[in-house]
Amino acid sequence: MTNITLKKILSDEAETAYSITEKLFRKVSDSELSWKPPIGKNWMTVGQLLMHCANYGCGKAVKGFVKGDWGMPESEATEPNANQNLPPAEALPAVDSVKQALEILSEDKKLALSCLDEVEESDLLIKRLTAPWGGPEATLFQHLMMMIVHLTQHKGQLFYYLKLMGQDVNTGDLWGM
């Protein structure tokens, strides 16, 4: 019987989230990258959503929590600003193609999984920290799981975009069945 560890749970969850996200990316065509829901406001386009999933969804934050390297100036990474305003959707970057999105997602997956592989099991429940964007202090495990949940949440957003665009997707596509 395999010993289930928190590290294994995180890695398995990340693998699943990335695998399903990749399959959903493959259902998008380049001609659909500018689409966004027609009702409401401040929606990302499909291209922005793909960029967000691929480049900001999980891997870079996992690296930040595990290694303390947030890829930003030290002052920004150590001074949380919970009141920081998020930019409007139209200011967010977008991918130029589905191929580019898949390449970025693949690199992000490698980064997340390599960082999860390096994390010490003992640190997952003992090490406590606050995200640079603010919020409550939590265990390393909680923060890492939340980054995987972040990717999963946006994967769900893409699923509903696809449904609204008329794609033939179902629950199996959302959960990888």
C-alpha atoms as a PDB file:
ATOM      1  CA  MET A   1       0.000   0.000   0.000  1.00  0.00           C
ATOM      2  CA  THR A   2       1.329   3.417  -0.973  1.00  0.00           C
ATOM      3  CA  ASN A   3       1.810   5.942   1.796  1.00  0.00           C
ATOM      4  CA  ILE A   4      -0.379   8.920   0.920  1.00  0.00           C
ATOM      5  CA  THR A   5       1.288  12.193   1.814  1.00  0.00           C
ATOM      6  CA  LEU A   6       0.132  15.787   1.590  1.00  0.00           C
ATOM      7  CA  LYS A   7       2.788  16.318  -1.069  1.00  0.00           C
ATOM      8  CA  LYS A   8       1.309  13.460  -3.129  1.00  0.00           C
ATOM      9  CA  ILE A   9      -2.188  14.903  -2.737  1.00  0.00           C
ATOM     10  CA  LEU A  10      -0.987  18.286  -4.003  1.00  0.00           C
ATOM     11  CA  SER A  11       0.870  16.751  -6.948  1.00  0.00           C
ATOM     12  CA  ASP A  12      -2.079  14.568  -7.934  1.00  0.00           C
ATOM     13  CA  GLU A  13      -4.505  17.505  -7.720  1.00  0.00           C
ATOM     14  CA  ALA A  14      -2.182  19.692  -9.799  1.00  0.00           C
ATOM     15  CA  GLU A  15      -1.731  16.967 -12.443  1.00  0.00           C
ATOM     16  CA  THR A  16      -5.499  16.577 -12.720  1.00  0.00           C
ATOM     17  CA  ALA A  17      -6.189  20.329 -12.890  1.00  0.00           C
ATOM     18  CA  TYR A  18      -3.559  20.866 -15.599  1.00  0.00           C
ATOM     19  CA  SER A  19      -4.655  17.835 -17.614  1.00  0.00           C
ATOM     20  CA  ILE A  20      -8.297  18.906 -17.727  1.00  0.00           C
ATOM     21  CA  THR A  21      -7.364  22.535 -18.390  1.00  0.00           C
ATOM     22  CA  GLU A  22      -5.217  21.462 -21.339  1.00  0.00           C
ATOM     23  CA  LYS A  23      -8.092  19.431 -22.810  1.00  0.00           C
ATOM     24  CA  LEU A  24     -10.408  22.432 -22.493  1.00  0.00           C
ATOM     25  CA  PHE A  25      -7.804  24.708 -24.132  1.00  0.00           C
ATOM     26  CA  ARG A  26      -7.774  22.304 -27.095  1.00  0.00           C
ATOM     27  CA  LYS A  27     -11.514  22.886 -27.605  1.00  0.00           C
ATOM     28  CA  VAL A  28     -10.867  26.574 -28.365  1.00  0.00           C
ATOM     29  CA  SER A  29     -10.013  27.825 -31.856  1.00  0.00           C
ATOM     30  CA  ASP A  30      -7.859  30.861 -32.552  1.00  0.00           C
ATOM     31  CA  SER A  31     -10.899  32.603 -34.061  1.00  0.00           C
ATOM     32  CA  GLU A  32     -12.643  32.436 -30.656  1.00  0.00           C
ATOM     33  CA  LEU A  33      -9.913  34.171 -28.629  1.00  0.00           C
ATOM     34  CA  SER A  34     -11.655  37.561 -28.709  1.00  0.00           C
ATOM     35  CA  TRP A  35     -15.031  36.179 -27.542  1.00  0.00           C
ATOM     36  CA  LYS A  36     -16.389  37.164 -24.126  1.00  0.00           C
ATOM     37  CA  PRO A  37     -19.850  36.832 -22.590  1.00  0.00           C
ATOM     38  CA  PRO A  38     -22.195  39.348 -24.205  1.00  0.00           C
ATOM     39  CA  ILE A  39     -24.075  40.233 -20.991  1.00  0.00           C
ATOM     40  CA  GLY A  40     -22.538  41.916 -17.985  1.00  0.00           C
ATOM     41  CA  LYS A  41     -19.260  43.751 -17.723  1.00  0.00           C
ATOM     42  CA  ASN A  42     -15.595  43.301 -16.883  1.00  0.00           C
ATOM     43  CA  TRP A  43     -15.376  39.856 -18.485  1.00  0.00           C
ATOM     44  CA  MET A  44     -12.070  38.514 -19.769  1.00  0.00           C
ATOM     45  CA  THR A  45     -11.961  37.445 -23.389  1.00  0.00           C
ATOM     46  CA  VAL A  46     -11.221  33.786 -24.063  1.00  0.00           C
ATOM     47  CA  GLY A  47      -7.642  34.791 -24.967  1.00  0.00           C
ATOM     48  CA  GLN A  48      -7.237  36.625 -21.661  1.00  0.00           C
ATOM     49  CA  LEU A  49      -8.721  33.705 -19.756  1.00  0.00           C
ATOM     50  CA  LEU A  50      -6.317  31.275 -21.437  1.00  0.00           C
ATOM     51  CA  MET A  51      -3.405  33.568 -20.556  1.00  0.00           C
ATOM     52  CA  HIS A  52      -4.609  33.853 -16.972  1.00  0.00           C
ATOM     53  CA  CYS A  53      -4.918  30.081 -16.580  1.00  0.00           C
ATOM     54  CA  ALA A  54      -1.619  29.375 -18.292  1.00  0.00           C
ATOM     55  CA  ASN A  55       0.575  32.129 -16.895  1.00  0.00           C
ATOM     56  CA  TYR A  56      -1.003  33.186 -13.598  1.00  0.00           C
ATOM     57  CA  GLY A  57      -3.139  30.229 -12.607  1.00  0.00           C
ATOM     58  CA  CYS A  58      -0.852  28.119 -10.474  1.00  0.00           C
ATOM     59  CA  GLY A  59       2.856  27.520 -11.174  1.00  0.00           C
ATOM     60  CA  LYS A  60       4.322  30.945 -10.491  1.00  0.00           C
ATOM     61  CA  ALA A  61       2.452  31.252  -7.195  1.00  0.00           C
ATOM     62  CA  VAL A  62       3.474  27.722  -6.177  1.00  0.00           C
ATOM     63  CA  LYS A  63       7.079  28.751  -6.857  1.00  0.00           C
ATOM     64  CA  GLY A  64       6.585  31.878  -4.775  1.00  0.00           C
ATOM     65  CA  PHE A  65       5.211  29.983  -1.804  1.00  0.00           C
ATOM     66  CA  VAL A  66       7.759  27.155  -1.989  1.00  0.00           C
ATOM     67  CA  LYS A  67      10.906  29.122  -2.853  1.00  0.00           C
ATOM     68  CA  GLY A  68      10.027  32.661  -1.814  1.00  0.00           C
ATOM     69  CA  ASP A  69      10.728  33.782  -5.394  1.00  0.00           C
ATOM     70  CA  TRP A  70       7.747  35.759  -6.626  1.00  0.00           C
ATOM     71  CA  GLY A  71       9.446  37.107  -9.750  1.00  0.00           C
ATOM     72  CA  MET A  72       8.891  40.689  -8.604  1.00  0.00           C
ATOM     73  CA  PRO A  73      10.919  43.281  -6.725  1.00  0.00           C
ATOM     74  CA  GLU A  74      11.491  42.258  -3.085  1.00  0.00           C
ATOM     75  CA  SER A  75       9.514  45.234  -1.744  1.00  0.00           C
ATOM     76  CA  GLU A  76       6.411  44.206  -3.700  1.00  0.00           C
ATOM     77  CA  ALA A  77       6.733  40.559  -2.650  1.00  0.00           C
ATOM     78  CA  THR A  78       7.066  41.337   1.065  1.00  0.00           C
ATOM     79  CA  GLU A  79       4.594  44.190   1.515  1.00  0.00           C
ATOM     80  CA  PRO A  80       1.077  42.759   1.074  1.00  0.00           C
ATOM     81  CA  ASN A  81      -1.571  45.159  -0.083  1.00  0.00           C
ATOM     82  CA  ALA A  82      -4.981  43.611   0.434  1.00  0.00           C
ATOM     83  CA  ASN A  83      -6.620  46.841  -0.780  1.00  0.00           C
ATOM     84  CA  GLN A  84      -4.790  46.758  -4.098  1.00  0.00           C
ATOM     85  CA  ASN A  85      -7.246  47.241  -6.939  1.00  0.00           C
ATOM     86  CA  LEU A  86      -7.251  44.599  -9.629  1.00  0.00           C
ATOM     87  CA  PRO A  87      -6.970  45.933 -13.165  1.00  0.00           C
ATOM     88  CA  PRO A  88     -10.105  45.893 -15.316  1.00  0.00           C
ATOM     89  CA  ALA A  89     -10.445  42.884 -17.591  1.00  0.00           C
ATOM     90  CA  GLU A  90      -9.643  44.893 -20.718  1.00  0.00           C
ATOM     91  CA  ALA A  91      -6.195  45.681 -19.288  1.00  0.00           C
ATOM     92  CA  LEU A  92      -5.251  42.014 -18.881  1.00  0.00           C
ATOM     93  CA  PRO A  93      -2.885  40.339 -21.352  1.00  0.00           C
ATOM     94  CA  ALA A  94      -4.164  37.743 -23.812  1.00  0.00           C
ATOM     95  CA  VAL A  95      -2.564  34.930 -25.762  1.00  0.00           C
ATOM     96  CA  ASP A  96      -2.123  35.311 -29.508  1.00  0.00           C
ATOM     97  CA  SER A  97      -3.008  31.684 -30.243  1.00  0.00           C
ATOM     98  CA  VAL A  98      -4.183  28.477 -28.626  1.00  0.00           C
ATOM     99  CA  LYS A  99      -0.775  27.004 -29.457  1.00  0.00           C
ATOM    100  CA  GLN A 100       0.900  29.747 -27.405  1.00  0.00           C
ATOM    101  CA  ALA A 101      -1.537  29.122 -24.527  1.00  0.00           C
ATOM    102  CA  LEU A 102      -0.748  25.398 -24.564  1.00  0.00           C
ATOM    103  CA  GLU A 103       3.004  26.086 -24.526  1.00  0.00           C
ATOM    104  CA  ILE A 104       2.708  28.497 -21.592  1.00  0.00           C
ATOM    105  CA  LEU A 105       0.423  26.082 -19.723  1.00  0.00           C
ATOM    106  CA  SER A 106       2.926  23.252 -20.243  1.00  0.00           C
ATOM    107  CA  GLU A 107       5.760  25.363 -18.813  1.00  0.00           C
ATOM    108  CA  ASP A 108       3.597  26.445 -15.875  1.00  0.00           C
ATOM    109  CA  LYS A 109       2.733  22.803 -15.162  1.00  0.00           C
ATOM    110  CA  LYS A 110       6.423  21.838 -15.188  1.00  0.00           C
ATOM    111  CA  LEU A 111       7.192  24.704 -12.808  1.00  0.00           C
ATOM    112  CA  ALA A 112       4.381  23.814 -10.401  1.00  0.00           C
ATOM    113  CA  LEU A 113       5.205  20.110 -10.335  1.00  0.00           C
ATOM    114  CA  SER A 114       8.954  20.666  -9.908  1.00  0.00           C
ATOM    115  CA  CYS A 115       8.318  23.032  -6.995  1.00  0.00           C
ATOM    116  CA  LEU A 116       5.871  20.586  -5.420  1.00  0.00           C
ATOM    117  CA  ASP A 117       8.486  17.869  -5.827  1.00  0.00           C
ATOM    118  CA  GLU A 118      11.042  20.012  -3.977  1.00  0.00           C
ATOM    119  CA  VAL A 119       8.816  21.004  -1.058  1.00  0.00           C
ATOM    120  CA  GLU A 120       9.574  19.310   2.250  1.00  0.00           C
ATOM    121  CA  GLU A 121       6.626  17.293   3.551  1.00  0.00           C
ATOM    122  CA  SER A 122       7.346  18.552   7.066  1.00  0.00           C
ATOM    123  CA  ASP A 123       7.034  22.182   5.928  1.00  0.00           C
ATOM    124  CA  LEU A 124       3.530  21.739   4.547  1.00  0.00           C
ATOM    125  CA  LEU A 125       1.777  21.955   7.921  1.00  0.00           C
ATOM    126  CA  ILE A 126       4.441  23.719   9.979  1.00  0.00           C
ATOM    127  CA  LYS A 127       5.429  26.629   7.727  1.00  0.00           C
ATOM    128  CA  ARG A 128       2.910  29.470   7.924  1.00  0.00           C
ATOM    129  CA  LEU A 129       2.925  32.532   5.708  1.00  0.00           C
ATOM    130  CA  THR A 130       0.840  35.260   4.129  1.00  0.00           C
ATOM    131  CA  ALA A 131       0.488  35.726   0.388  1.00  0.00           C
ATOM    132  CA  PRO A 132       2.066  38.888  -1.021  1.00  0.00           C
ATOM    133  CA  TRP A 133      -1.391  40.033  -2.139  1.00  0.00           C
ATOM    134  CA  GLY A 134      -2.654  39.847   1.446  1.00  0.00           C
ATOM    135  CA  GLY A 135      -5.190  37.652   3.132  1.00  0.00           C
ATOM    136  CA  PRO A 136      -4.880  35.543   6.256  1.00  0.00           C
ATOM    137  CA  GLU A 137      -1.801  33.666   7.326  1.00  0.00           C
ATOM    138  CA  ALA A 138      -2.127  29.976   6.431  1.00  0.00           C
ATOM    139  CA  THR A 139      -0.040  26.827   6.221  1.00  0.00           C
ATOM    140  CA  LEU A 140       2.086  26.200   3.164  1.00  0.00           C
ATOM    141  CA  PHE A 141      -0.222  23.273   2.328  1.00  0.00           C
ATOM    142  CA  GLN A 142      -3.287  25.542   2.395  1.00  0.00           C
ATOM    143  CA  HIS A 143      -1.659  28.135   0.146  1.00  0.00           C
ATOM    144  CA  LEU A 144      -0.471  25.531  -2.347  1.00  0.00           C
ATOM    145  CA  MET A 145      -3.883  23.865  -2.440  1.00  0.00           C
ATOM    146  CA  MET A 146      -5.516  27.259  -2.993  1.00  0.00           C
ATOM    147  CA  MET A 147      -3.285  27.876  -6.024  1.00  0.00           C
ATOM    148  CA  ILE A 148      -4.414  24.564  -7.498  1.00  0.00           C
ATOM    149  CA  VAL A 149      -8.016  25.534  -6.679  1.00  0.00           C
ATOM    150  CA  HIS A 150      -7.388  28.887  -8.414  1.00  0.00           C
ATOM    151  CA  LEU A 151      -6.465  27.069 -11.634  1.00  0.00           C
ATOM    152  CA  THR A 152      -9.433  24.735 -11.188  1.00  0.00           C
ATOM    153  CA  GLN A 153     -11.806  27.679 -10.726  1.00  0.00           C
ATOM    154  CA  HIS A 154     -10.658  29.315 -13.953  1.00  0.00           C
ATOM    155  CA  LYS A 155     -10.804  25.952 -15.713  1.00  0.00           C
ATOM    156  CA  GLY A 156     -14.475  25.932 -14.719  1.00  0.00           C
ATOM    157  CA  GLN A 157     -14.851  29.457 -16.072  1.00  0.00           C
ATOM    158  CA  LEU A 158     -13.457  28.300 -19.418  1.00  0.00           C
ATOM    159  CA  PHE A 159     -15.872  25.349 -19.389  1.00  0.00           C
ATOM    160  CA  TYR A 160     -18.817  27.739 -19.062  1.00  0.00           C
ATOM    161  CA  TYR A 161     -17.407  30.051 -21.722  1.00  0.00           C
ATOM    162  CA  LEU A 162     -17.318  27.047 -24.050  1.00  0.00           C
ATOM    163  CA  LYS A 163     -20.930  26.188 -23.204  1.00  0.00           C
ATOM    164  CA  LEU A 164     -22.022  29.790 -23.820  1.00  0.00           C
ATOM    165  CA  MET A 165     -20.183  29.712 -27.152  1.00  0.00           C
ATOM    166  CA  GLY A 166     -22.273  26.704 -28.187  1.00  0.00           C
ATOM    167  CA  GLN A 167     -19.587  24.049 -27.797  1.00  0.00           C
ATOM    168  CA  ASP A 168     -20.738  20.513 -27.056  1.00  0.00           C
ATOM    169  CA  VAL A 169     -19.154  20.136 -23.611  1.00  0.00           C
ATOM    170  CA  ASN A 170     -20.520  18.231 -20.645  1.00  0.00           C
ATOM    171  CA  THR A 171     -19.713  17.325 -17.065  1.00  0.00           C
ATOM    172  CA  GLY A 172     -17.165  14.775 -18.238  1.00  0.00           C
ATOM    173  CA  ASP A 173     -15.169  17.562 -19.913  1.00  0.00           C
ATOM    174  CA  LEU A 174     -15.219  19.593 -16.681  1.00  0.00           C
ATOM    175  CA  TRP A 175     -14.057  16.737 -14.459  1.00  0.00           C
ATOM    176  CA  GLY A 176     -11.895  14.756 -16.874  1.00  0.00           C
ATOM    177  CA  MET A 177     -14.126  11.730 -17.206  1.00  0.00           C
END
